[in-house]
Amino acid sequence: MAKKQHTILLLGFLLALFAGCDQEKKPQSVKNQKSTSAIKYATGFTVEKEGNFTVIVITAAWPGADSFKYVLVPKEKLPSVTFPKGEYDAIIGTPVEKVVLTSTTHIEPIKQLGELNSIVGFPNTDYISSPEARERVESGHIKNLGMNDVLNTEMVLMVNPELIIGFSINEENKAYDAIERVGIPIVYNGDWAEPTPLGKAEWIKFFAPFFGKEKLGDSIFTEIEISYKKAASLAKKATSKPTVLTGGLYKDVWYVAGGGSWMAKFLNDANADYLWSNTKETGSIGLSLESVLDKAQNAEFWFNPSAHTTYSELGEANPHHKEFTAFTNKKVYSNAMDKGGKGGLIFYELAQHRPDIVLKDFIKILHPELLPEKKLKFIKPLQ
């Protein structure tokens, strides 16, 4: 009798064990208990909470790109879940502790989230300008991994990241393909393609879920949004609307900011009369010097004349620059004035994550009476 009971108990244990194994291997569904994070301005990604998991969809990693879909799973649940093959482009365990970044625009949101120590590698670390991040480069905590399009696979394997946040302008990503084949997931980020200031800044909500810091990401963005809107409302009180020219010559082509670009949005919100505001391009527009002179010779302000930072340099680059009223009246301003320790431009690393400060710079320049105590941060006069 005792032997029979023992046999029954053993059989029951084995059945429970096998049932448990079947349960672990069963593909998981994340279709229940959906809740979508509020993305108000960014157009390139979505975030959804689906049960215990977070699903991030990148809809515009670069212009014309197919969508990429990633699922984030708490690390303690990873061993017990599987997903249908091909449903996701990557499965990421969270919170992430070791990450490789590929664009300087990725650094500031990671810093804002208090996760700078998680960055273990970067392609061509000389581009990094953030003083805090540069300290980690100099101390060897952030390794130089080559160049973005030719990442050193051996170095990537050495730092052993849990994922790489990738940057690309098209589908030709051979370096990333090689790294994915050795089991390191690539997650594409398209913040650079966002056309509006608040849209770019809202990408902090893309980064936050990887570290389990969604609430912090939301609160950081909300503060920036409130500050930006307050500044834009202030600009509407200006009694003048100065005319503005942007850009400069590169190999005989003058590139101005398109009317649908984030730069044009700044100028509009700063209550400026941007002379190309009626165009639709979200990037730059290539024009001849003659056409720019014809339209903008008498513009009151000129912003971002290529990489030139002094009037003498600008005048020597092309004598026609001196024909612009903004040059004559010393009303030329640049976002290239401040550089990091290795020459990287501070503006391109930090500005898109603090659009409220950028907007206040423009207001201070265009309507100084509205912000009499403001000191310029990103946009400064040529020397």
Foldseek 3Di string as FASTA:
>chain_A
DVVVVVVVVVVVVVVVVVVLVCQLPPADDQQAPKDWDDDPAADQWTWIHRPQKIKIKGPPLAPPDHIAIEIEHAQVCVSRHDHPPPPHLYYAHPLFQAEEEEDLQVQVLCVLLVRLLNYQEYAPCLQHFPPVNVVCVVVNRYYHQHHQQAGNLVVCVVSPGQAYAHHDNDDPRVNQVVNVVVPHYYHRDRLVPRFALLNSQLCSCVVQVNHVRNVSSVVLSVVLVVLQVVLLVLLVPDPDAFEEWEAADDPQWTKTAALRHRVVVLSVSNRHRYQRNPGNDHGIDTDGPVVCCVRQLAGQAYEAHDQAQALVVVCVVDVCVCSRPCSVVQRYKYQQPDAGPSGHRPCRNPCSNRVSLVSVLSNCSVPVVSPVPDDRDRIGGGD
